[in-house]
Amino acid sequence: MKTRKHNKMKFKELKAMQKSELKDKKTELYKELMKENAQVATGTTPKNPGKIRLTKKTIARINLLLAEENNQA
């Protein structure tokens, strides 16, 4: 798999991941989001302003997949 510099992951890529991998990825993304939000809060201009939005969308995709798996189980 290619390494990505940004957080946007396609839905297919996320769907192929195991539940434990999704949870780990979600935790990792939350940490990145906290760092980005801290930069914004201190007044520092982020390197990539769209990164916060992409991170939030990816977290939402992961939450959707985890909710679907819980409903099926």
PDB file of N, CA and C in Angstrom:
ATOM      1  N   MET A   1       0.831  -1.174   0.000  1.00  0.00           N
ATOM      2  CA  MET A   1       0.000   0.000   0.000  1.00  0.00           C
ATOM      3  C   MET A   1       0.882   1.246   0.000  1.00  0.00           C
ATOM      4  N   LYS A   2       0.439   2.257  -0.706  1.00  0.00           N
ATOM      5  CA  LYS A   2       1.197   3.494  -0.778  1.00  0.00           C
ATOM      6  C   LYS A   2       1.107   4.229   0.550  1.00  0.00           C
ATOM      7  N   THR A   3       2.189   4.918   0.896  1.00  0.00           N
ATOM      8  CA  THR A   3       2.123   5.744   2.086  1.00  0.00           C
ATOM      9  C   THR A   3       1.570   7.095   1.675  1.00  0.00           C
ATOM     10  N   ARG A   4       0.731   7.633   2.504  1.00  0.00           N
ATOM     11  CA  ARG A   4       0.079   8.896   2.186  1.00  0.00           C
ATOM     12  C   ARG A   4       0.613   9.996   3.087  1.00  0.00           C
ATOM     13  N   LYS A   5       0.749  11.175   2.498  1.00  0.00           N
ATOM     14  CA  LYS A   5       1.196  12.310   3.290  1.00  0.00           C
ATOM     15  C   LYS A   5       0.030  12.991   3.985  1.00  0.00           C
ATOM     16  N   HIS A   6      -1.173  12.765   3.479  1.00  0.00           N
ATOM     17  CA  HIS A   6      -2.348  13.379   4.085  1.00  0.00           C
ATOM     18  C   HIS A   6      -3.235  12.297   4.680  1.00  0.00           C
ATOM     19  N   ASN A   7      -4.282  12.714   5.345  1.00  0.00           N
ATOM     20  CA  ASN A   7      -5.118  11.776   6.099  1.00  0.00           C
ATOM     21  C   ASN A   7      -6.256  11.168   5.307  1.00  0.00           C
ATOM     22  N   LYS A   8      -6.562  11.703   4.136  1.00  0.00           N
ATOM     23  CA  LYS A   8      -7.722  11.217   3.405  1.00  0.00           C
ATOM     24  C   LYS A   8      -7.502   9.775   2.984  1.00  0.00           C
ATOM     25  N   MET A   9      -8.376   8.935   3.456  1.00  0.00           N
ATOM     26  CA  MET A   9      -8.329   7.534   3.064  1.00  0.00           C
ATOM     27  C   MET A   9      -9.632   7.219   2.368  1.00  0.00           C
ATOM     28  N   LYS A  10      -9.547   6.468   1.319  1.00  0.00           N
ATOM     29  CA  LYS A  10     -10.747   6.099   0.595  1.00  0.00           C
ATOM     30  C   LYS A  10     -11.558   5.120   1.429  1.00  0.00           C
ATOM     31  N   PHE A  11     -12.870   5.151   1.201  1.00  0.00           N
ATOM     32  CA  PHE A  11     -13.782   4.302   1.957  1.00  0.00           C
ATOM     33  C   PHE A  11     -13.439   2.829   1.753  1.00  0.00           C
ATOM     34  N   LYS A  12     -13.036   2.470   0.530  1.00  0.00           N
ATOM     35  CA  LYS A  12     -12.666   1.077   0.239  1.00  0.00           C
ATOM     36  C   LYS A  12     -11.482   0.645   1.095  1.00  0.00           C
ATOM     37  N   GLU A  13     -10.503   1.541   1.230  1.00  0.00           N
ATOM     38  CA  GLU A  13      -9.312   1.228   2.026  1.00  0.00           C
ATOM     39  C   GLU A  13      -9.698   1.006   3.488  1.00  0.00           C
ATOM     40  N   LEU A  14     -10.569   1.866   3.994  1.00  0.00           N
ATOM     41  CA  LEU A  14     -10.997   1.727   5.392  1.00  0.00           C
ATOM     42  C   LEU A  14     -11.821   0.467   5.592  1.00  0.00           C
ATOM     43  N   LYS A  15     -12.675   0.158   4.618  1.00  0.00           N
ATOM     44  CA  LYS A  15     -13.540  -1.009   4.733  1.00  0.00           C
ATOM     45  C   LYS A  15     -12.735  -2.311   4.750  1.00  0.00           C
ATOM     46  N   ALA A  16     -11.572  -2.297   4.100  1.00  0.00           N
ATOM     47  CA  ALA A  16     -10.727  -3.486   4.039  1.00  0.00           C
ATOM     48  C   ALA A  16      -9.968  -3.721   5.349  1.00  0.00           C
ATOM     49  N   MET A  17      -9.932  -2.716   6.211  1.00  0.00           N
ATOM     50  CA  MET A  17      -9.179  -2.833   7.461  1.00  0.00           C
ATOM     51  C   MET A  17      -9.968  -3.617   8.508  1.00  0.00           C
ATOM     52  N   GLN A  18      -9.232  -4.252   9.410  1.00  0.00           N
ATOM     53  CA  GLN A  18      -9.837  -4.979  10.522  1.00  0.00           C
ATOM     54  C   GLN A  18     -10.341  -3.981  11.564  1.00  0.00           C
ATOM     55  N   LYS A  19     -11.208  -4.440  12.436  1.00  0.00           N
ATOM     56  CA  LYS A  19     -11.797  -3.582  13.467  1.00  0.00           C
ATOM     57  C   LYS A  19     -10.715  -2.980  14.374  1.00  0.00           C
ATOM     58  N   SER A  20      -9.745  -3.786  14.751  1.00  0.00           N
ATOM     59  CA  SER A  20      -8.675  -3.291  15.627  1.00  0.00           C
ATOM     60  C   SER A  20      -7.823  -2.239  14.909  1.00  0.00           C
ATOM     61  N   GLU A  21      -7.585  -2.445  13.614  1.00  0.00           N
ATOM     62  CA  GLU A  21      -6.819  -1.472  12.831  1.00  0.00           C
ATOM     63  C   GLU A  21      -7.579  -0.153  12.727  1.00  0.00           C
ATOM     64  N   LEU A  22      -8.895  -0.244  12.556  1.00  0.00           N
ATOM     65  CA  LEU A  22      -9.716   0.959  12.471  1.00  0.00           C
ATOM     66  C   LEU A  22      -9.653   1.754  13.775  1.00  0.00           C
ATOM     67  N   LYS A  23      -9.725   1.044  14.896  1.00  0.00           N
ATOM     68  CA  LYS A  23      -9.663   1.723  16.193  1.00  0.00           C
ATOM     69  C   LYS A  23      -8.306   2.399  16.388  1.00  0.00           C
ATOM     70  N   ASP A  24      -7.231   1.717  15.983  1.00  0.00           N
ATOM     71  CA  ASP A  24      -5.890   2.303  16.091  1.00  0.00           C
ATOM     72  C   ASP A  24      -5.764   3.538  15.205  1.00  0.00           C
ATOM     73  N   LYS A  25      -6.288   3.440  13.992  1.00  0.00           N
ATOM     74  CA  LYS A  25      -6.228   4.552  13.048  1.00  0.00           C
ATOM     75  C   LYS A  25      -7.024   5.739  13.578  1.00  0.00           C
ATOM     76  N   LYS A  26      -8.165   5.462  14.170  1.00  0.00           N
ATOM     77  CA  LYS A  26      -9.013   6.513  14.737  1.00  0.00           C
ATOM     78  C   LYS A  26      -8.278   7.244  15.861  1.00  0.00           C
ATOM     79  N   THR A  27      -7.616   6.488  16.723  1.00  0.00           N
ATOM     80  CA  THR A  27      -6.852   7.088  17.814  1.00  0.00           C
ATOM     81  C   THR A  27      -5.727   7.961  17.276  1.00  0.00           C
ATOM     82  N   GLU A  28      -5.036   7.453  16.263  1.00  0.00           N
ATOM     83  CA  GLU A  28      -3.947   8.198  15.634  1.00  0.00           C
ATOM     84  C   GLU A  28      -4.465   9.506  15.021  1.00  0.00           C
ATOM     85  N   LEU A  29      -5.602   9.424  14.354  1.00  0.00           N
ATOM     86  CA  LEU A  29      -6.176  10.613  13.726  1.00  0.00           C
ATOM     87  C   LEU A  29      -6.634  11.631  14.768  1.00  0.00           C
ATOM     88  N   TYR A  30      -7.192  11.169  15.884  1.00  0.00           N
ATOM     89  CA  TYR A  30      -7.595  12.081  16.947  1.00  0.00           C
ATOM     90  C   TYR A  30      -6.389  12.839  17.502  1.00  0.00           C
ATOM     91  N   LYS A  31      -5.248  12.148  17.641  1.00  0.00           N
ATOM     92  CA  LYS A  31      -4.037  12.805  18.132  1.00  0.00           C
ATOM     93  C   LYS A  31      -3.571  13.876  17.158  1.00  0.00           C
ATOM     94  N   GLU A  32      -3.594  13.557  15.861  1.00  0.00           N
ATOM     95  CA  GLU A  32      -3.205  14.531  14.850  1.00  0.00           C
ATOM     96  C   GLU A  32      -4.154  15.730  14.867  1.00  0.00           C
ATOM     97  N   LEU A  33      -5.444  15.447  15.024  1.00  0.00           N
ATOM     98  CA  LEU A  33      -6.437  16.513  15.045  1.00  0.00           C
ATOM     99  C   LEU A  33      -6.205  17.441  16.243  1.00  0.00           C
ATOM    100  N   MET A  34      -5.870  16.868  17.387  1.00  0.00           N
ATOM    101  CA  MET A  34      -5.595  17.686  18.578  1.00  0.00           C
ATOM    102  C   MET A  34      -4.389  18.593  18.343  1.00  0.00           C
ATOM    103  N   LYS A  35      -3.352  18.059  17.691  1.00  0.00           N
ATOM    104  CA  LYS A  35      -2.167  18.868  17.391  1.00  0.00           C
ATOM    105  C   LYS A  35      -2.521  20.025  16.462  1.00  0.00           C
ATOM    106  N   GLU A  36      -3.287  19.716  15.420  1.00  0.00           N
ATOM    107  CA  GLU A  36      -3.686  20.746  14.461  1.00  0.00           C
ATOM    108  C   GLU A  36      -4.547  21.812  15.130  1.00  0.00           C
ATOM    109  N   ASN A  37      -5.507  21.380  15.951  1.00  0.00           N
ATOM    110  CA  ASN A  37      -6.375  22.330  16.650  1.00  0.00           C
ATOM    111  C   ASN A  37      -5.592  23.178  17.643  1.00  0.00           C
ATOM    112  N   ALA A  38      -4.569  22.602  18.247  1.00  0.00           N
ATOM    113  CA  ALA A  38      -3.726  23.358  19.181  1.00  0.00           C
ATOM    114  C   ALA A  38      -2.972  24.455  18.431  1.00  0.00           C
ATOM    115  N   GLN A  39      -2.514  24.140  17.221  1.00  0.00           N
ATOM    116  CA  GLN A  39      -1.822  25.149  16.406  1.00  0.00           C
ATOM    117  C   GLN A  39      -2.762  26.306  16.088  1.00  0.00           C
ATOM    118  N   VAL A  40      -3.974  25.971  15.708  1.00  0.00           N
ATOM    119  CA  VAL A  40      -4.949  27.004  15.365  1.00  0.00           C
ATOM    120  C   VAL A  40      -5.280  27.849  16.601  1.00  0.00           C
ATOM    121  N   ALA A  41      -5.420  27.189  17.749  1.00  0.00           N
ATOM    122  CA  ALA A  41      -5.778  27.887  18.981  1.00  0.00           C
ATOM    123  C   ALA A  41      -4.687  28.864  19.424  1.00  0.00           C
ATOM    124  N   THR A  42      -3.430  28.511  19.164  1.00  0.00           N
ATOM    125  CA  THR A  42      -2.335  29.392  19.564  1.00  0.00           C
ATOM    126  C   THR A  42      -2.107  30.505  18.553  1.00  0.00           C
ATOM    127  N   GLY A  43      -2.800  30.438  17.433  1.00  0.00           N
ATOM    128  CA  GLY A  43      -2.673  31.490  16.428  1.00  0.00           C
ATOM    129  C   GLY A  43      -1.675  31.175  15.337  1.00  0.00           C
ATOM    130  N   THR A  44      -1.045  30.022  15.405  1.00  0.00           N
ATOM    131  CA  THR A  44      -0.095  29.618  14.383  1.00  0.00           C
ATOM    132  C   THR A  44      -0.857  29.199  13.128  1.00  0.00           C
ATOM    133  N   THR A  45      -0.374  29.624  11.981  1.00  0.00           N
ATOM    134  CA  THR A  45      -1.017  29.215  10.736  1.00  0.00           C
ATOM    135  C   THR A  45      -0.605  27.788  10.422  1.00  0.00           C
ATOM    136  N   PRO A  46      -1.563  26.876  10.242  1.00  0.00           N
ATOM    137  CA  PRO A  46      -1.205  25.493   9.926  1.00  0.00           C
ATOM    138  C   PRO A  46      -0.592  25.385   8.530  1.00  0.00           C
ATOM    139  N   LYS A  47       0.287  24.390   8.361  1.00  0.00           N
ATOM    140  CA  LYS A  47       0.936  24.174   7.066  1.00  0.00           C
ATOM    141  C   LYS A  47      -0.097  23.857   6.000  1.00  0.00           C
ATOM    142  N   ASN A  48      -1.069  23.020   6.379  1.00  0.00           N
ATOM    143  CA  ASN A  48      -2.108  22.613   5.442  1.00  0.00           C
ATOM    144  C   ASN A  48      -3.463  22.841   6.104  1.00  0.00           C
ATOM    145  N   PRO A  49      -4.117  23.957   5.790  1.00  0.00           N
ATOM    146  CA  PRO A  49      -5.380  24.268   6.447  1.00  0.00           C
ATOM    147  C   PRO A  49      -6.488  23.245   6.185  1.00  0.00           C
ATOM    148  N   GLY A  50      -6.456  22.579   5.056  1.00  0.00           N
ATOM    149  CA  GLY A  50      -7.480  21.595   4.731  1.00  0.00           C
ATOM    150  C   GLY A  50      -7.304  20.278   5.449  1.00  0.00           C
ATOM    151  N   LYS A  51      -6.171  20.102   6.109  1.00  0.00           N
ATOM    152  CA  LYS A  51      -5.875  18.845   6.782  1.00  0.00           C
ATOM    153  C   LYS A  51      -6.851  18.566   7.925  1.00  0.00           C
ATOM    154  N   ILE A  52      -7.260  19.611   8.642  1.00  0.00           N
ATOM    155  CA  ILE A  52      -8.200  19.436   9.757  1.00  0.00           C
ATOM    156  C   ILE A  52      -9.512  18.869   9.229  1.00  0.00           C
ATOM    157  N   ARG A  53      -9.982  19.428   8.140  1.00  0.00           N
ATOM    158  CA  ARG A  53     -11.245  18.978   7.552  1.00  0.00           C
ATOM    159  C   ARG A  53     -11.149  17.529   7.072  1.00  0.00           C
ATOM    160  N   LEU A  54     -10.041  17.191   6.410  1.00  0.00           N
ATOM    161  CA  LEU A  54      -9.852  15.822   5.934  1.00  0.00           C
ATOM    162  C   LEU A  54      -9.780  14.835   7.096  1.00  0.00           C
ATOM    163  N   THR A  55      -9.106  15.241   8.151  1.00  0.00           N
ATOM    164  CA  THR A  55      -8.987  14.371   9.326  1.00  0.00           C
ATOM    165  C   THR A  55     -10.355  14.110   9.939  1.00  0.00           C
ATOM    166  N   LYS A  56     -11.172  15.155  10.066  1.00  0.00           N
ATOM    167  CA  LYS A  56     -12.510  14.993  10.631  1.00  0.00           C
ATOM    168  C   LYS A  56     -13.363  14.070   9.763  1.00  0.00           C
ATOM    169  N   LYS A  57     -13.260  14.224   8.446  1.00  0.00           N
ATOM    170  CA  LYS A  57     -14.044  13.378   7.543  1.00  0.00           C
ATOM    171  C   LYS A  57     -13.609  11.916   7.638  1.00  0.00           C
ATOM    172  N   THR A  58     -12.310  11.688   7.735  1.00  0.00           N
ATOM    173  CA  THR A  58     -11.811  10.320   7.836  1.00  0.00           C
ATOM    174  C   THR A  58     -12.268   9.682   9.150  1.00  0.00           C
ATOM    175  N   ILE A  59     -12.238  10.447  10.241  1.00  0.00           N
ATOM    176  CA  ILE A  59     -12.717   9.943  11.532  1.00  0.00           C
ATOM    177  C   ILE A  59     -14.195   9.591  11.425  1.00  0.00           C
ATOM    178  N   ALA A  60     -14.969  10.418  10.740  1.00  0.00           N
ATOM    179  CA  ALA A  60     -16.398  10.145  10.559  1.00  0.00           C
ATOM    180  C   ALA A  60     -16.612   8.858   9.759  1.00  0.00           C
ATOM    181  N   ARG A  61     -15.796   8.644   8.744  1.00  0.00           N
ATOM    182  CA  ARG A  61     -15.897   7.408   7.954  1.00  0.00           C
ATOM    183  C   ARG A  61     -15.613   6.186   8.824  1.00  0.00           C
ATOM    184  N   ILE A  62     -14.587   6.289   9.665  1.00  0.00           N
ATOM    185  CA  ILE A  62     -14.230   5.180  10.554  1.00  0.00           C
ATOM    186  C   ILE A  62     -15.368   4.917  11.542  1.00  0.00           C
ATOM    187  N   ASN A  63     -15.931   5.998  12.099  1.00  0.00           N
ATOM    188  CA  ASN A  63     -17.054   5.839  13.032  1.00  0.00           C
ATOM    189  C   ASN A  63     -18.235   5.153  12.364  1.00  0.00           C
ATOM    190  N   LEU A  64     -18.498   5.488  11.103  1.00  0.00           N
ATOM    191  CA  LEU A  64     -19.583   4.866  10.354  1.00  0.00           C
ATOM    192  C   LEU A  64     -19.341   3.371  10.205  1.00  0.00           C
ATOM    193  N   LEU A  65     -18.125   2.996   9.833  1.00  0.00           N
ATOM    194  CA  LEU A  65     -17.806   1.574   9.654  1.00  0.00           C
ATOM    195  C   LEU A  65     -17.911   0.812  10.971  1.00  0.00           C
ATOM    196  N   LEU A  66     -17.419   1.417  12.056  1.00  0.00           N
ATOM    197  CA  LEU A  66     -17.483   0.746  13.353  1.00  0.00           C
ATOM    198  C   LEU A  66     -18.932   0.592  13.812  1.00  0.00           C
ATOM    199  N   ALA A  67     -19.770   1.589  13.535  1.00  0.00           N
ATOM    200  CA  ALA A  67     -21.183   1.499  13.909  1.00  0.00           C
ATOM    201  C   ALA A  67     -21.887   0.421  13.099  1.00  0.00           C
ATOM    202  N   GLU A  68     -21.557   0.302  11.833  1.00  0.00           N
ATOM    203  CA  GLU A  68     -22.148  -0.737  10.989  1.00  0.00           C
ATOM    204  C   GLU A  68     -21.760  -2.117  11.486  1.00  0.00           C
ATOM    205  N   GLU A  69     -20.503  -2.274  11.875  1.00  0.00           N
ATOM    206  CA  GLU A  69     -20.044  -3.582  12.368  1.00  0.00           C
ATOM    207  C   GLU A  69     -20.742  -3.929  13.677  1.00  0.00           C
ATOM    208  N   ASN A  70     -20.960  -2.938  14.536  1.00  0.00           N
ATOM    209  CA  ASN A  70     -21.651  -3.192  15.813  1.00  0.00           C
ATOM    210  C   ASN A  70     -23.104  -3.560  15.593  1.00  0.00           C
ATOM    211  N   ASN A  71     -23.732  -2.959  14.589  1.00  0.00           N
ATOM    212  CA  ASN A  71     -25.137  -3.271  14.303  1.00  0.00           C
ATOM    213  C   ASN A  71     -25.286  -4.686  13.720  1.00  0.00           C
ATOM    214  N   GLN A  72     -24.292  -5.128  12.964  1.00  0.00           N
ATOM    215  CA  GLN A  72     -24.341  -6.454  12.357  1.00  0.00           C
ATOM    216  C   GLN A  72     -24.083  -7.536  13.390  1.00  0.00           C
ATOM    217  N   ALA A  73     -23.240  -7.237  14.361  1.00  0.00           N
ATOM    218  CA  ALA A  73     -22.853  -8.258  15.353  1.00  0.00           C
ATOM    219  C   ALA A  73     -23.934  -8.509  16.364  1.00  0.00           C
TER     220      ALA A  73
END
